[in-house]
């Protein structure tokens, strides 16, 4: 087993742990058995992501797996929301997130399996470039590489497509904005897989005018935050897409194909 890079663990324990998460975070907390892993985030009141995470249900609480640069801020905010609830919140340096064939990552079946073991059982660190190649090919953006705190909405990084938001749960921080965007069809940006020779993080993808921006790349495969209406128009008109003067093409997952088809249909009405 090898350790995932740049991860920290936050342990929440105590009788009010699930009640705290119910009113603060995006993911469902109902019917959550010990050992089950879910994906979620804490949002700003304006609906942008402070930090996303994978989270393991434990016997007495949860174990949040977050980017190391986001851990302190996330922990501070959860403590602020705790009020008088009986929940202990602290960094856990006794366990580590590792690649495991029998593990799971709820974001995508194409991602390497993920599990959590005592630090003494964890191996060497996975190389940044190897992990980047795996997650980019799976179409999964990551905090710290593709975005940072309060920069993107959940739908910008496809959290809804990866099961990270329960729109039917009780109130959570930022729910009003997130739900309104989903309900009114105001999803204008998505992170999509793109292929080409000129991919460099920070570079624009053009179809005459800018369509989106590359957020991370591994060789000739990358992720780009894209204006879906502009991309749909370019594809419909057969306009060449380029990045740094090299042609690129998008690899659309099923949900992305459906959204672009809906945009095309709406434009024909």
C-alpha atoms as a PDB file:
ATOM      1  CA  UNK A   1       0.000   0.000   0.000  1.00  0.00           C
ATOM      2  CA  UNK A   2       1.228   3.504  -0.873  1.00  0.00           C
ATOM      3  CA  UNK A   3       0.091   6.790   0.636  1.00  0.00           C
ATOM      4  CA  UNK A   4      -1.847   9.380  -1.338  1.00  0.00           C
ATOM      5  CA  UNK A   5       0.052  12.691  -1.530  1.00  0.00           C
ATOM      6  CA  UNK A   6      -0.912  15.912   0.233  1.00  0.00           C
ATOM      7  CA  UNK A   7      -3.652  14.473   2.463  1.00  0.00           C
ATOM      8  CA  UNK A   8      -4.596  15.159   6.078  1.00  0.00           C
ATOM      9  CA  UNK A   9      -7.206  13.403   8.198  1.00  0.00           C
ATOM     10  CA  UNK A  10      -9.685  15.071  10.535  1.00  0.00           C
ATOM     11  CA  UNK A  11     -11.483  12.863  13.026  1.00  0.00           C
ATOM     12  CA  UNK A  12     -14.929  13.810  14.338  1.00  0.00           C
ATOM     13  CA  UNK A  13     -16.289  11.721  17.171  1.00  0.00           C
ATOM     14  CA  UNK A  14     -19.076  11.934  19.719  1.00  0.00           C
ATOM     15  CA  UNK A  15     -22.851  11.487  19.912  1.00  0.00           C
ATOM     16  CA  UNK A  16     -23.676  14.667  17.955  1.00  0.00           C
ATOM     17  CA  UNK A  17     -21.297  14.092  15.023  1.00  0.00           C
ATOM     18  CA  UNK A  18     -23.952  13.135  12.472  1.00  0.00           C
ATOM     19  CA  UNK A  19     -26.288  15.927  13.622  1.00  0.00           C
ATOM     20  CA  UNK A  20     -23.477  18.441  13.071  1.00  0.00           C
ATOM     21  CA  UNK A  21     -22.801  17.144   9.557  1.00  0.00           C
ATOM     22  CA  UNK A  22     -26.513  17.057   8.746  1.00  0.00           C
ATOM     23  CA  UNK A  23     -26.785  20.842   9.137  1.00  0.00           C
ATOM     24  CA  UNK A  24     -23.439  21.854   7.647  1.00  0.00           C
ATOM     25  CA  UNK A  25     -22.114  19.685   4.788  1.00  0.00           C
ATOM     26  CA  UNK A  26     -23.387  18.735   1.331  1.00  0.00           C
ATOM     27  CA  UNK A  27     -23.345  14.939   1.444  1.00  0.00           C
ATOM     28  CA  UNK A  28     -26.102  12.677   2.697  1.00  0.00           C
ATOM     29  CA  UNK A  29     -25.621  11.420   6.251  1.00  0.00           C
ATOM     30  CA  UNK A  30     -28.675   9.127   6.459  1.00  0.00           C
ATOM     31  CA  UNK A  31     -28.450   5.318   6.499  1.00  0.00           C
ATOM     32  CA  UNK A  32     -24.680   5.559   6.787  1.00  0.00           C
ATOM     33  CA  UNK A  33     -23.133   2.337   8.007  1.00  0.00           C
ATOM     34  CA  UNK A  34     -19.701   2.114   9.645  1.00  0.00           C
ATOM     35  CA  UNK A  35     -17.082   1.468   6.978  1.00  0.00           C
ATOM     36  CA  UNK A  36     -19.019   3.239   4.195  1.00  0.00           C
ATOM     37  CA  UNK A  37     -17.244   6.040   2.324  1.00  0.00           C
ATOM     38  CA  UNK A  38     -18.994   9.129   0.956  1.00  0.00           C
ATOM     39  CA  UNK A  39     -17.993  12.320  -0.844  1.00  0.00           C
ATOM     40  CA  UNK A  40     -18.956  15.837   0.208  1.00  0.00           C
ATOM     41  CA  UNK A  41     -17.890  19.390   0.979  1.00  0.00           C
ATOM     42  CA  UNK A  42     -18.370  22.353   3.247  1.00  0.00           C
ATOM     43  CA  UNK A  43     -19.523  25.447   1.351  1.00  0.00           C
ATOM     44  CA  UNK A  44     -19.470  29.167   2.001  1.00  0.00           C
ATOM     45  CA  UNK A  45     -22.871  30.807   2.589  1.00  0.00           C
ATOM     46  CA  UNK A  46     -22.556  31.996  -1.031  1.00  0.00           C
ATOM     47  CA  UNK A  47     -22.399  28.392  -2.204  1.00  0.00           C
ATOM     48  CA  UNK A  48     -18.713  28.066  -3.095  1.00  0.00           C
ATOM     49  CA  UNK A  49     -16.508  25.201  -1.926  1.00  0.00           C
ATOM     50  CA  UNK A  50     -14.330  25.754   1.128  1.00  0.00           C
ATOM     51  CA  UNK A  51     -13.047  22.193   0.962  1.00  0.00           C
ATOM     52  CA  UNK A  52     -14.279  18.916  -0.442  1.00  0.00           C
ATOM     53  CA  UNK A  53     -13.351  15.557   1.059  1.00  0.00           C
ATOM     54  CA  UNK A  54     -13.904  11.830   1.083  1.00  0.00           C
ATOM     55  CA  UNK A  55     -15.284  10.687   4.434  1.00  0.00           C
ATOM     56  CA  UNK A  56     -15.309   7.328   6.190  1.00  0.00           C
ATOM     57  CA  UNK A  57     -18.058   6.479   8.683  1.00  0.00           C
ATOM     58  CA  UNK A  58     -16.477   5.077  11.847  1.00  0.00           C
ATOM     59  CA  UNK A  59     -18.070   3.385  14.837  1.00  0.00           C
ATOM     60  CA  UNK A  60     -18.151   6.632  16.840  1.00  0.00           C
ATOM     61  CA  UNK A  61     -18.049   9.355  14.185  1.00  0.00           C
ATOM     62  CA  UNK A  62     -16.296  10.022  10.868  1.00  0.00           C
ATOM     63  CA  UNK A  63     -12.818  10.400   9.391  1.00  0.00           C
ATOM     64  CA  UNK A  64     -12.511  13.245   6.871  1.00  0.00           C
ATOM     65  CA  UNK A  65      -9.803  12.883   4.213  1.00  0.00           C
ATOM     66  CA  UNK A  66      -8.893  16.387   2.925  1.00  0.00           C
ATOM     67  CA  UNK A  67      -6.085  18.201   1.145  1.00  0.00           C
ATOM     68  CA  UNK A  68      -3.403  19.088   3.676  1.00  0.00           C
ATOM     69  CA  UNK A  69      -3.606  22.818   2.861  1.00  0.00           C
ATOM     70  CA  UNK A  70      -7.355  22.860   3.524  1.00  0.00           C
ATOM     71  CA  UNK A  71      -7.379  20.882   6.768  1.00  0.00           C
ATOM     72  CA  UNK A  72      -6.821  23.630   9.332  1.00  0.00           C
ATOM     73  CA  UNK A  73      -9.429  25.955   7.828  1.00  0.00           C
ATOM     74  CA  UNK A  74     -12.002  23.173   7.496  1.00  0.00           C
ATOM     75  CA  UNK A  75     -11.424  22.064  11.068  1.00  0.00           C
ATOM     76  CA  UNK A  76     -11.728  25.640  12.356  1.00  0.00           C
ATOM     77  CA  UNK A  77     -15.026  26.157  10.555  1.00  0.00           C
ATOM     78  CA  UNK A  78     -16.499  22.883  11.768  1.00  0.00           C
ATOM     79  CA  UNK A  79     -15.581  23.860  15.326  1.00  0.00           C
ATOM     80  CA  UNK A  80     -17.316  27.197  14.798  1.00  0.00           C
ATOM     81  CA  UNK A  81     -20.513  25.425  13.703  1.00  0.00           C
ATOM     82  CA  UNK A  82     -20.276  22.917  16.555  1.00  0.00           C
ATOM     83  CA  UNK A  83     -21.698  25.342  19.152  1.00  0.00           C
ATOM     84  CA  UNK A  84     -22.634  23.175  22.164  1.00  0.00           C
ATOM     85  CA  UNK A  85     -22.842  19.896  20.290  1.00  0.00           C
ATOM     86  CA  UNK A  86     -20.962  16.943  21.766  1.00  0.00           C
ATOM     87  CA  UNK A  87     -18.416  16.474  18.993  1.00  0.00           C
ATOM     88  CA  UNK A  88     -14.647  16.205  19.282  1.00  0.00           C
ATOM     89  CA  UNK A  89     -12.806  17.583  16.235  1.00  0.00           C
ATOM     90  CA  UNK A  90      -9.063  17.070  15.795  1.00  0.00           C
ATOM     91  CA  UNK A  91      -6.379  16.189  13.269  1.00  0.00           C
ATOM     92  CA  UNK A  92      -5.572  12.484  13.266  1.00  0.00           C
ATOM     93  CA  UNK A  93      -1.925  11.709  12.479  1.00  0.00           C
ATOM     94  CA  UNK A  94      -2.156   8.064  13.481  1.00  0.00           C
ATOM     95  CA  UNK A  95      -3.852   6.975  10.228  1.00  0.00           C
ATOM     96  CA  UNK A  96      -3.030   7.581   6.565  1.00  0.00           C
ATOM     97  CA  UNK A  97      -4.955   7.479   3.275  1.00  0.00           C
ATOM     98  CA  UNK A  98      -3.536   4.710   1.080  1.00  0.00           C
ATOM     99  CA  UNK A  99      -4.109   3.111  -2.297  1.00  0.00           C
ATOM    100  CA  UNK A 100      -5.822  -0.243  -1.753  1.00  0.00           C
ATOM    101  CA  UNK A 101      -7.260  -2.721  -4.249  1.00  0.00           C
ATOM    102  CA  UNK A 102     -10.094  -3.494  -1.843  1.00  0.00           C
ATOM    103  CA  UNK A 103     -10.757   0.188  -1.116  1.00  0.00           C
ATOM    104  CA  UNK A 104     -13.242   2.543  -2.730  1.00  0.00           C
ATOM    105  CA  UNK A 105     -13.510   6.137  -3.891  1.00  0.00           C
ATOM    106  CA  UNK A 106     -17.106   7.273  -4.372  1.00  0.00           C
ATOM    107  CA  UNK A 107     -16.154   9.941  -6.910  1.00  0.00           C
ATOM    108  CA  UNK A 108     -15.410   7.519  -9.745  1.00  0.00           C
ATOM    109  CA  UNK A 109     -14.870   3.775 -10.272  1.00  0.00           C
ATOM    110  CA  UNK A 110     -11.902   4.761 -12.467  1.00  0.00           C
ATOM    111  CA  UNK A 111     -10.019   6.152  -9.461  1.00  0.00           C
ATOM    112  CA  UNK A 112      -7.637   3.979  -7.497  1.00  0.00           C
ATOM    113  CA  UNK A 113      -9.199   2.344  -4.473  1.00  0.00           C
ATOM    114  CA  UNK A 114      -8.730   4.293  -1.248  1.00  0.00           C
ATOM    115  CA  UNK A 115      -8.545   3.057   2.325  1.00  0.00           C
ATOM    116  CA  UNK A 116      -7.235   4.268   5.690  1.00  0.00           C
ATOM    117  CA  UNK A 117      -4.716   2.340   7.747  1.00  0.00           C
ATOM    118  CA  UNK A 118      -2.436   2.982  10.745  1.00  0.00           C
ATOM    119  CA  UNK A 119       0.571   5.065   9.693  1.00  0.00           C
ATOM    120  CA  UNK A 120       2.919   2.205  10.558  1.00  0.00           C
ATOM    121  CA  UNK A 121       1.236   0.087   7.853  1.00  0.00           C
ATOM    122  CA  UNK A 122       1.350   2.781   5.161  1.00  0.00           C
ATOM    123  CA  UNK A 123       4.065   2.593   2.524  1.00  0.00           C
ATOM    124  CA  UNK A 124       5.842   5.254   0.507  1.00  0.00           C
ATOM    125  CA  UNK A 125       4.114   8.276  -0.972  1.00  0.00           C
ATOM    126  CA  UNK A 126       2.536   7.987  -4.413  1.00  0.00           C
ATOM    127  CA  UNK A 127       4.319  10.318  -6.843  1.00  0.00           C
ATOM    128  CA  UNK A 128       2.349  13.481  -7.612  1.00  0.00           C
ATOM    129  CA  UNK A 129       2.507  12.827 -11.348  1.00  0.00           C
ATOM    130  CA  UNK A 130       1.171   9.277 -10.991  1.00  0.00           C
ATOM    131  CA  UNK A 131      -1.811  10.359  -8.902  1.00  0.00           C
ATOM    132  CA  UNK A 132      -2.471  13.293 -11.253  1.00  0.00           C
ATOM    133  CA  UNK A 133      -2.531  10.954 -14.258  1.00  0.00           C
ATOM    134  CA  UNK A 134      -5.042   8.643 -12.541  1.00  0.00           C
ATOM    135  CA  UNK A 135      -7.490  11.302 -11.379  1.00  0.00           C
ATOM    136  CA  UNK A 136      -7.285  13.400 -14.563  1.00  0.00           C
ATOM    137  CA  UNK A 137      -8.034  10.361 -16.733  1.00  0.00           C
ATOM    138  CA  UNK A 138     -11.019   9.683 -14.447  1.00  0.00           C
ATOM    139  CA  UNK A 139     -12.228  13.275 -14.843  1.00  0.00           C
ATOM    140  CA  UNK A 140     -11.875  14.142 -11.140  1.00  0.00           C
ATOM    141  CA  UNK A 141     -10.684  17.668 -10.188  1.00  0.00           C
ATOM    142  CA  UNK A 142      -8.723  18.104  -6.962  1.00  0.00           C
ATOM    143  CA  UNK A 143      -8.524  20.889  -4.384  1.00  0.00           C
ATOM    144  CA  UNK A 144      -5.056  22.425  -4.527  1.00  0.00           C
ATOM    145  CA  UNK A 145      -4.501  21.636  -8.201  1.00  0.00           C
ATOM    146  CA  UNK A 146      -7.667  22.582 -10.087  1.00  0.00           C
ATOM    147  CA  UNK A 147      -9.118  25.045  -7.569  1.00  0.00           C
ATOM    148  CA  UNK A 148      -8.753  26.326  -4.023  1.00  0.00           C
ATOM    149  CA  UNK A 149     -11.065  27.632  -1.279  1.00  0.00           C
ATOM    150  CA  UNK A 150     -14.037  29.803  -2.319  1.00  0.00           C
ATOM    151  CA  UNK A 151     -13.137  29.754  -6.026  1.00  0.00           C
ATOM    152  CA  UNK A 152     -15.709  27.365  -7.512  1.00  0.00           C
ATOM    153  CA  UNK A 153     -19.285  26.194  -7.078  1.00  0.00           C
ATOM    154  CA  UNK A 154     -19.912  22.460  -6.541  1.00  0.00           C
ATOM    155  CA  UNK A 155     -21.274  22.019 -10.068  1.00  0.00           C
ATOM    156  CA  UNK A 156     -18.124  23.641 -11.502  1.00  0.00           C
ATOM    157  CA  UNK A 157     -16.210  20.542 -10.393  1.00  0.00           C
ATOM    158  CA  UNK A 158     -19.086  18.096 -11.040  1.00  0.00           C
ATOM    159  CA  UNK A 159     -19.828  17.285  -7.400  1.00  0.00           C
ATOM    160  CA  UNK A 160     -23.452  16.586  -8.247  1.00  0.00           C
ATOM    161  CA  UNK A 161     -22.408  14.094 -10.930  1.00  0.00           C
ATOM    162  CA  UNK A 162     -20.130  12.364  -8.405  1.00  0.00           C
ATOM    163  CA  UNK A 163     -22.766  11.999  -5.682  1.00  0.00           C
ATOM    164  CA  UNK A 164     -21.314  14.713  -3.466  1.00  0.00           C
ATOM    165  CA  UNK A 165     -24.508  16.724  -2.919  1.00  0.00           C
ATOM    166  CA  UNK A 166     -27.811  15.604  -1.445  1.00  0.00           C
ATOM    167  CA  UNK A 167     -30.243  18.287  -2.574  1.00  0.00           C
ATOM    168  CA  UNK A 168     -33.057  16.669  -0.598  1.00  0.00           C
ATOM    169  CA  UNK A 169     -31.390  16.655   2.812  1.00  0.00           C
ATOM    170  CA  UNK A 170     -32.074  19.225   5.500  1.00  0.00           C
ATOM    171  CA  UNK A 171     -30.428  22.636   5.310  1.00  0.00           C
ATOM    172  CA  UNK A 172     -26.666  22.794   4.900  1.00  0.00           C
ATOM    173  CA  UNK A 173     -24.383  25.807   4.570  1.00  0.00           C
ATOM    174  CA  UNK A 174     -24.763  27.284   1.074  1.00  0.00           C
ATOM    175  CA  UNK A 175     -27.733  25.076   0.215  1.00  0.00           C
ATOM    176  CA  UNK A 176     -29.967  27.894  -1.019  1.00  0.00           C
ATOM    177  CA  UNK A 177     -27.518  28.962  -3.713  1.00  0.00           C
ATOM    178  CA  UNK A 178     -26.536  25.406  -4.684  1.00  0.00           C
ATOM    179  CA  UNK A 179     -30.157  24.256  -4.936  1.00  0.00           C
ATOM    180  CA  UNK A 180     -31.248  27.319  -6.887  1.00  0.00           C
ATOM    181  CA  UNK A 181     -28.511  26.811  -9.494  1.00  0.00           C
ATOM    182  CA  UNK A 182     -29.545  23.188  -9.953  1.00  0.00           C
ATOM    183  CA  UNK A 183     -33.290  23.874  -9.952  1.00  0.00           C
ATOM    184  CA  UNK A 184     -33.170  26.771 -12.404  1.00  0.00           C
ATOM    185  CA  UNK A 185     -30.699  25.141 -14.743  1.00  0.00           C
ATOM    186  CA  UNK A 186     -28.078  27.824 -14.147  1.00  0.00           C
ATOM    187  CA  UNK A 187     -25.161  25.413 -14.444  1.00  0.00           C
ATOM    188  CA  UNK A 188     -22.922  27.267 -16.873  1.00  0.00           C
ATOM    189  CA  UNK A 189     -19.529  25.767 -16.071  1.00  0.00           C
ATOM    190  CA  UNK A 190     -18.278  22.203 -15.885  1.00  0.00           C
ATOM    191  CA  UNK A 191     -14.891  20.540 -15.542  1.00  0.00           C
ATOM    192  CA  UNK A 192     -14.340  18.255 -18.528  1.00  0.00           C
ATOM    193  CA  UNK A 193     -11.611  15.902 -19.755  1.00  0.00           C
ATOM    194  CA  UNK A 194      -9.643  17.306 -22.682  1.00  0.00           C
ATOM    195  CA  UNK A 195      -6.972  15.726 -24.899  1.00  0.00           C
ATOM    196  CA  UNK A 196      -4.255  17.446 -26.928  1.00  0.00           C
ATOM    197  CA  UNK A 197      -0.562  18.232 -27.226  1.00  0.00           C
ATOM    198  CA  UNK A 198      -0.663  21.825 -26.023  1.00  0.00           C
ATOM    199  CA  UNK A 199      -2.226  21.359 -22.594  1.00  0.00           C
ATOM    200  CA  UNK A 200      -0.680  23.460 -19.843  1.00  0.00           C
ATOM    201  CA  UNK A 201      -2.450  24.456 -16.610  1.00  0.00           C
ATOM    202  CA  UNK A 202      -3.659  28.043 -16.875  1.00  0.00           C
ATOM    203  CA  UNK A 203      -3.850  28.049 -20.671  1.00  0.00           C
ATOM    204  CA  UNK A 204      -7.053  28.994 -22.477  1.00  0.00           C
ATOM    205  CA  UNK A 205      -8.944  26.662 -24.769  1.00  0.00           C
ATOM    206  CA  UNK A 206     -10.126  28.636 -27.779  1.00  0.00           C
ATOM    207  CA  UNK A 207     -12.775  28.306 -30.438  1.00  0.00           C
ATOM    208  CA  UNK A 208     -12.038  31.723 -31.835  1.00  0.00           C
ATOM    209  CA  UNK A 209     -13.044  33.134 -28.439  1.00  0.00           C
ATOM    210  CA  UNK A 210     -12.180  31.467 -25.098  1.00  0.00           C
ATOM    211  CA  UNK A 211     -14.231  28.373 -24.244  1.00  0.00           C
ATOM    212  CA  UNK A 212     -12.491  27.409 -21.026  1.00  0.00           C
ATOM    213  CA  UNK A 213      -9.212  27.135 -19.115  1.00  0.00           C
ATOM    214  CA  UNK A 214      -6.995  24.125 -18.458  1.00  0.00           C
ATOM    215  CA  UNK A 215      -6.801  23.551 -14.698  1.00  0.00           C
ATOM    216  CA  UNK A 216      -4.419  20.569 -14.641  1.00  0.00           C
ATOM    217  CA  UNK A 217      -2.683  18.320 -17.129  1.00  0.00           C
ATOM    218  CA  UNK A 218      -0.833  14.999 -17.296  1.00  0.00           C
ATOM    219  CA  UNK A 219       0.829  14.579 -20.656  1.00  0.00           C
ATOM    220  CA  UNK A 220      -1.756  14.906 -23.415  1.00  0.00           C
ATOM    221  CA  UNK A 221      -4.762  14.585 -21.081  1.00  0.00           C
ATOM    222  CA  UNK A 222      -6.050  17.380 -18.901  1.00  0.00           C
ATOM    223  CA  UNK A 223      -9.009  18.877 -17.097  1.00  0.00           C
ATOM    224  CA  UNK A 224     -10.540  22.179 -18.131  1.00  0.00           C
ATOM    225  CA  UNK A 225     -13.153  24.420 -16.540  1.00  0.00           C
ATOM    226  CA  UNK A 226     -15.435  25.132 -19.483  1.00  0.00           C
ATOM    227  CA  UNK A 227     -18.377  27.351 -20.333  1.00  0.00           C
ATOM    228  CA  UNK A 228     -20.741  24.678 -21.580  1.00  0.00           C
ATOM    229  CA  UNK A 229     -22.816  27.023 -23.725  1.00  0.00           C
ATOM    230  CA  UNK A 230     -19.700  28.161 -25.609  1.00  0.00           C
ATOM    231  CA  UNK A 231     -18.475  24.598 -26.019  1.00  0.00           C
ATOM    232  CA  UNK A 232     -21.851  23.427 -27.317  1.00  0.00           C
ATOM    233  CA  UNK A 233     -21.909  26.280 -29.840  1.00  0.00           C
ATOM    234  CA  UNK A 234     -18.380  25.459 -31.035  1.00  0.00           C
ATOM    235  CA  UNK A 235     -19.196  21.764 -31.428  1.00  0.00           C
ATOM    236  CA  UNK A 236     -22.463  22.507 -33.237  1.00  0.00           C
ATOM    237  CA  UNK A 237     -20.713  24.849 -35.672  1.00  0.00           C
ATOM    238  CA  UNK A 238     -17.726  22.570 -36.167  1.00  0.00           C
ATOM    239  CA  UNK A 239     -15.288  25.220 -34.937  1.00  0.00           C
ATOM    240  CA  UNK A 240     -11.773  23.930 -34.268  1.00  0.00           C
ATOM    241  CA  UNK A 241     -10.801  23.875 -30.603  1.00  0.00           C
ATOM    242  CA  UNK A 242      -7.191  24.718 -29.751  1.00  0.00           C
ATOM    243  CA  UNK A 243      -4.885  25.224 -26.783  1.00  0.00           C
ATOM    244  CA  UNK A 244      -1.523  26.914 -27.301  1.00  0.00           C
ATOM    245  CA  UNK A 245      -2.113  26.650 -31.073  1.00  0.00           C
ATOM    246  CA  UNK A 246      -2.508  22.858 -30.927  1.00  0.00           C
ATOM    247  CA  UNK A 247      -5.845  21.131 -31.632  1.00  0.00           C
ATOM    248  CA  UNK A 248      -7.714  19.611 -28.695  1.00  0.00           C
ATOM    249  CA  UNK A 249     -10.785  17.451 -28.270  1.00  0.00           C
ATOM    250  CA  UNK A 250     -13.083  16.863 -25.316  1.00  0.00           C
ATOM    251  CA  UNK A 251     -13.927  13.448 -23.874  1.00  0.00           C
ATOM    252  CA  UNK A 252     -17.491  13.727 -22.646  1.00  0.00           C
ATOM    253  CA  UNK A 253     -18.851  11.508 -19.897  1.00  0.00           C
ATOM    254  CA  UNK A 254     -22.476  10.402 -20.255  1.00  0.00           C
ATOM    255  CA  UNK A 255     -23.861  13.129 -17.987  1.00  0.00           C
ATOM    256  CA  UNK A 256     -21.887  15.803 -19.883  1.00  0.00           C
ATOM    257  CA  UNK A 257     -23.169  14.550 -23.236  1.00  0.00           C
ATOM    258  CA  UNK A 258     -26.720  14.760 -21.901  1.00  0.00           C
ATOM    259  CA  UNK A 259     -26.233  18.326 -20.673  1.00  0.00           C
ATOM    260  CA  UNK A 260     -24.771  19.503 -23.982  1.00  0.00           C
ATOM    261  CA  UNK A 261     -27.611  17.797 -25.857  1.00  0.00           C
ATOM    262  CA  UNK A 262     -30.121  19.622 -23.624  1.00  0.00           C
ATOM    263  CA  UNK A 263     -28.382  22.922 -24.370  1.00  0.00           C
ATOM    264  CA  UNK A 264     -28.577  22.228 -28.085  1.00  0.00           C
ATOM    265  CA  UNK A 265     -32.272  21.369 -27.821  1.00  0.00           C
ATOM    266  CA  UNK A 266     -32.993  24.512 -25.837  1.00  0.00           C
ATOM    267  CA  UNK A 267     -31.179  26.588 -28.447  1.00  0.00           C
ATOM    268  CA  UNK A 268     -33.333  25.142 -31.209  1.00  0.00           C
ATOM    269  CA  UNK A 269     -36.584  26.093 -29.484  1.00  0.00           C
END
